[in-house]
Amino acid sequence: VDAALLAGQALADGKRLLLPRCRTDVPGLLDFGCVTCLSDVVPGRFGILEPREAVCRPPEAFAPDLILVPGLAFDPQGRRLGFGGGYYDRLLALPGMARAFSVGLAFDFQLVAALPADPWDRPVNAVVTDRQTTLIPA
């Protein structure tokens, strides 16, 4: 799901927008960069737009209210099938992220009945698709 429209609206509304950047020295870990316009981003390691490295800090430096989480598939329990790097499971497990509301972004066809879960997997609080919004019971 392309979240550029959401990012642009957040900036237009004067929100502080933190975007993830994959660490080049430690696979599986993300940093955040606070961007003020979409020209502050560059193609990153996986071809996804990321903030410039100079504006990035470790996630422990922030306490976001909302985290948008990508995935290949989501189920009604908030479990997700990611891309295999563990980036978002590690991020969501950090103490500073505990109060953030996490939302999986997907297309409706990416919703499945059930996904397997490992002990380190972190479910999202809601899943938003092009057709529905599902709040996950706590």
C-alpha atoms as a PDB file:
ATOM      1  CA  VAL A   1       0.000   0.000   0.000  1.00  0.00           C
ATOM      2  CA  ASP A   2       1.377   3.393  -0.964  1.00  0.00           C
ATOM      3  CA  ALA A   3       1.103   5.669   2.083  1.00  0.00           C
ATOM      4  CA  ALA A   4       2.345   8.814   0.303  1.00  0.00           C
ATOM      5  CA  LEU A   5      -1.122  10.409   0.339  1.00  0.00           C
ATOM      6  CA  LEU A   6      -1.376   9.868   4.119  1.00  0.00           C
ATOM      7  CA  ALA A   7       2.127  11.243   4.624  1.00  0.00           C
ATOM      8  CA  GLY A   8       1.381  14.294   2.512  1.00  0.00           C
ATOM      9  CA  GLN A   9      -1.848  14.961   4.429  1.00  0.00           C
ATOM     10  CA  ALA A  10      -0.086  14.590   7.783  1.00  0.00           C
ATOM     11  CA  LEU A  11       2.479  17.177   6.702  1.00  0.00           C
ATOM     12  CA  ALA A  12      -0.234  19.497   5.364  1.00  0.00           C
ATOM     13  CA  ASP A  13      -2.015  19.220   8.739  1.00  0.00           C
ATOM     14  CA  GLY A  14       1.160  20.201  10.577  1.00  0.00           C
ATOM     15  CA  LYS A  15       1.707  16.775  12.128  1.00  0.00           C
ATOM     16  CA  ARG A  16       5.171  15.562  13.021  1.00  0.00           C
ATOM     17  CA  LEU A  17       5.899  12.786  10.533  1.00  0.00           C
ATOM     18  CA  LEU A  18       8.425  10.105  11.416  1.00  0.00           C
ATOM     19  CA  LEU A  19       9.444   7.770   8.620  1.00  0.00           C
ATOM     20  CA  PRO A  20      11.465   4.572   9.051  1.00  0.00           C
ATOM     21  CA  ARG A  21      14.933   3.987   7.660  1.00  0.00           C
ATOM     22  CA  CYS A  22      16.560   0.551   7.590  1.00  0.00           C
ATOM     23  CA  ARG A  23      19.909   0.539   9.357  1.00  0.00           C
ATOM     24  CA  THR A  24      22.690  -0.313   6.956  1.00  0.00           C
ATOM     25  CA  ASP A  25      25.007  -1.617   9.683  1.00  0.00           C
ATOM     26  CA  VAL A  26      22.505  -3.787  11.609  1.00  0.00           C
ATOM     27  CA  PRO A  27      19.942  -5.787   9.589  1.00  0.00           C
ATOM     28  CA  GLY A  28      16.454  -5.953  11.087  1.00  0.00           C
ATOM     29  CA  LEU A  29      16.593  -2.607  12.898  1.00  0.00           C
ATOM     30  CA  LEU A  30      14.920   0.667  11.989  1.00  0.00           C
ATOM     31  CA  ASP A  31      15.702   4.267  12.796  1.00  0.00           C
ATOM     32  CA  PHE A  32      13.267   7.161  12.415  1.00  0.00           C
ATOM     33  CA  GLY A  33      13.709  10.428  10.597  1.00  0.00           C
ATOM     34  CA  CYS A  34      11.475  13.414  11.213  1.00  0.00           C
ATOM     35  CA  VAL A  35      10.654  14.847   7.792  1.00  0.00           C
ATOM     36  CA  THR A  36       9.138  18.233   7.026  1.00  0.00           C
ATOM     37  CA  CYS A  37       8.390  17.633   3.344  1.00  0.00           C
ATOM     38  CA  LEU A  38       8.349  14.646   1.035  1.00  0.00           C
ATOM     39  CA  SER A  39      11.483  15.895  -0.724  1.00  0.00           C
ATOM     40  CA  ASP A  40      13.346  14.942   2.499  1.00  0.00           C
ATOM     41  CA  VAL A  41      13.179  11.283   1.442  1.00  0.00           C
ATOM     42  CA  VAL A  42      15.405   9.230  -0.855  1.00  0.00           C
ATOM     43  CA  PRO A  43      15.188   5.659  -2.210  1.00  0.00           C
ATOM     44  CA  GLY A  44      16.446   3.281   0.473  1.00  0.00           C
ATOM     45  CA  ARG A  45      17.831  -0.209   0.768  1.00  0.00           C
ATOM     46  CA  PHE A  46      14.701  -1.934  -0.529  1.00  0.00           C
ATOM     47  CA  GLY A  47      13.754   0.770  -3.032  1.00  0.00           C
ATOM     48  CA  ILE A  48      11.310   2.281  -0.525  1.00  0.00           C
ATOM     49  CA  LEU A  49      11.507   5.998   0.162  1.00  0.00           C
ATOM     50  CA  GLU A  50      13.311   6.681   3.447  1.00  0.00           C
ATOM     51  CA  PRO A  51      14.458   9.814   5.269  1.00  0.00           C
ATOM     52  CA  ARG A  52      18.009  10.933   4.683  1.00  0.00           C
ATOM     53  CA  GLU A  53      20.408   9.303   7.144  1.00  0.00           C
ATOM     54  CA  ALA A  54      21.479  12.687   8.579  1.00  0.00           C
ATOM     55  CA  VAL A  55      17.997  13.313  10.059  1.00  0.00           C
ATOM     56  CA  CYS A  56      17.576   9.834  11.580  1.00  0.00           C
ATOM     57  CA  ARG A  57      17.702   8.799  15.223  1.00  0.00           C
ATOM     58  CA  PRO A  58      17.131   5.461  16.994  1.00  0.00           C
ATOM     59  CA  PRO A  59      13.454   4.717  17.676  1.00  0.00           C
ATOM     60  CA  GLU A  60      14.100   5.017  21.420  1.00  0.00           C
ATOM     61  CA  ALA A  61      14.405   8.796  20.843  1.00  0.00           C
ATOM     62  CA  PHE A  62      10.712   9.002  19.937  1.00  0.00           C
ATOM     63  CA  ALA A  63       7.334   8.086  21.420  1.00  0.00           C
ATOM     64  CA  PRO A  64       4.935   8.089  18.448  1.00  0.00           C
ATOM     65  CA  ASP A  65       1.165   8.057  18.827  1.00  0.00           C
ATOM     66  CA  LEU A  66       0.562   6.063  15.642  1.00  0.00           C
ATOM     67  CA  ILE A  67       2.638   3.510  13.747  1.00  0.00           C
ATOM     68  CA  LEU A  68       1.624   2.393  10.254  1.00  0.00           C
ATOM     69  CA  VAL A  69       2.800  -1.169   9.691  1.00  0.00           C
ATOM     70  CA  PRO A  70       3.247  -2.788   6.271  1.00  0.00           C
ATOM     71  CA  GLY A  71       2.621  -6.457   5.634  1.00  0.00           C
ATOM     72  CA  LEU A  72       1.941  -9.122   3.056  1.00  0.00           C
ATOM     73  CA  ALA A  73      -1.088 -10.432   4.968  1.00  0.00           C
ATOM     74  CA  PHE A  74      -3.063  -9.762   8.164  1.00  0.00           C
ATOM     75  CA  ASP A  75      -5.620 -11.787  10.113  1.00  0.00           C
ATOM     76  CA  PRO A  76      -8.530 -10.810  12.439  1.00  0.00           C
ATOM     77  CA  GLN A  77      -6.280 -11.221  15.500  1.00  0.00           C
ATOM     78  CA  GLY A  78      -3.880  -8.540  14.222  1.00  0.00           C
ATOM     79  CA  ARG A  79      -1.176 -11.022  13.314  1.00  0.00           C
ATOM     80  CA  ARG A  80       0.805 -10.163  10.228  1.00  0.00           C
ATOM     81  CA  LEU A  81       2.994 -11.800   7.687  1.00  0.00           C
ATOM     82  CA  GLY A  82       5.849  -9.400   7.120  1.00  0.00           C
ATOM     83  CA  PHE A  83       8.676  -9.400   4.651  1.00  0.00           C
ATOM     84  CA  GLY A  84      10.966 -11.633   6.736  1.00  0.00           C
ATOM     85  CA  GLY A  85      13.359  -9.138   8.310  1.00  0.00           C
ATOM     86  CA  GLY A  86      11.677  -8.748  11.697  1.00  0.00           C
ATOM     87  CA  TYR A  87      11.926  -4.943  11.474  1.00  0.00           C
ATOM     88  CA  TYR A  88       8.444  -4.143  12.768  1.00  0.00           C
ATOM     89  CA  ASP A  89       8.314  -6.938  15.361  1.00  0.00           C
ATOM     90  CA  ARG A  90      11.516  -5.518  16.896  1.00  0.00           C
ATOM     91  CA  LEU A  91      10.176  -1.978  16.665  1.00  0.00           C
ATOM     92  CA  LEU A  92       6.791  -2.774  18.244  1.00  0.00           C
ATOM     93  CA  ALA A  93       8.520  -4.688  21.087  1.00  0.00           C
ATOM     94  CA  LEU A  94      10.438  -1.577  22.234  1.00  0.00           C
ATOM     95  CA  PRO A  95       9.155  -0.114  25.539  1.00  0.00           C
ATOM     96  CA  GLY A  96       8.710   3.366  24.010  1.00  0.00           C
ATOM     97  CA  MET A  97       6.330   1.984  21.396  1.00  0.00           C
ATOM     98  CA  ALA A  98       3.930   0.419  23.926  1.00  0.00           C
ATOM     99  CA  ARG A  99       1.550   3.398  23.953  1.00  0.00           C
ATOM    100  CA  ALA A 100       1.521   3.806  20.170  1.00  0.00           C
ATOM    101  CA  PHE A 101      -1.521   2.615  18.241  1.00  0.00           C
ATOM    102  CA  SER A 102      -0.312   0.313  15.451  1.00  0.00           C
ATOM    103  CA  VAL A 103      -2.262   0.017  12.216  1.00  0.00           C
ATOM    104  CA  GLY A 104      -1.641  -2.530   9.504  1.00  0.00           C
ATOM    105  CA  LEU A 105      -2.136  -1.098   6.018  1.00  0.00           C
ATOM    106  CA  ALA A 106      -3.270  -3.528   3.357  1.00  0.00           C
ATOM    107  CA  PHE A 107      -5.577  -4.169   0.452  1.00  0.00           C
ATOM    108  CA  ASP A 108      -8.684  -6.200   1.224  1.00  0.00           C
ATOM    109  CA  PHE A 109      -7.323  -9.276  -0.583  1.00  0.00           C
ATOM    110  CA  GLN A 110      -4.447  -9.353   1.942  1.00  0.00           C
ATOM    111  CA  LEU A 111      -6.812 -10.282   4.792  1.00  0.00           C
ATOM    112  CA  VAL A 112      -6.744 -13.983   5.608  1.00  0.00           C
ATOM    113  CA  ALA A 113      -8.605 -16.138   8.157  1.00  0.00           C
ATOM    114  CA  ALA A 114      -5.543 -16.989  10.267  1.00  0.00           C
ATOM    115  CA  LEU A 115      -1.772 -16.648  10.303  1.00  0.00           C
ATOM    116  CA  PRO A 116       0.766 -18.567  12.363  1.00  0.00           C
ATOM    117  CA  ALA A 117       2.468 -16.666  15.160  1.00  0.00           C
ATOM    118  CA  ASP A 118       5.826 -17.001  16.870  1.00  0.00           C
ATOM    119  CA  PRO A 119       6.439 -15.755  20.424  1.00  0.00           C
ATOM    120  CA  TRP A 120       8.278 -12.656  19.140  1.00  0.00           C
ATOM    121  CA  ASP A 121       5.527 -11.613  16.711  1.00  0.00           C
ATOM    122  CA  ARG A 122       3.752  -8.378  17.642  1.00  0.00           C
ATOM    123  CA  PRO A 123       0.142  -7.963  16.478  1.00  0.00           C
ATOM    124  CA  VAL A 124      -1.239  -4.631  15.305  1.00  0.00           C
ATOM    125  CA  ASN A 125      -4.143  -2.827  17.018  1.00  0.00           C
ATOM    126  CA  ALA A 126      -6.132  -2.382  13.793  1.00  0.00           C
ATOM    127  CA  VAL A 127      -6.055  -3.247  10.110  1.00  0.00           C
ATOM    128  CA  VAL A 128      -7.182  -0.721   7.504  1.00  0.00           C
ATOM    129  CA  THR A 129      -7.827  -1.815   3.942  1.00  0.00           C
ATOM    130  CA  ASP A 130      -9.345  -0.192   0.889  1.00  0.00           C
ATOM    131  CA  ARG A 131     -12.718  -1.679   1.946  1.00  0.00           C
ATOM    132  CA  GLN A 132     -12.800  -1.970   5.729  1.00  0.00           C
ATOM    133  CA  THR A 133     -11.323  -1.092   9.094  1.00  0.00           C
ATOM    134  CA  THR A 134     -10.939  -3.807  11.692  1.00  0.00           C
ATOM    135  CA  LEU A 135     -10.168  -2.965  15.326  1.00  0.00           C
ATOM    136  CA  ILE A 136      -8.417  -5.831  17.087  1.00  0.00           C
ATOM    137  CA  PRO A 137      -9.825  -6.693  20.537  1.00  0.00           C
ATOM    138  CA  ALA A 138      -7.248  -6.173  23.307  1.00  0.00           C
END
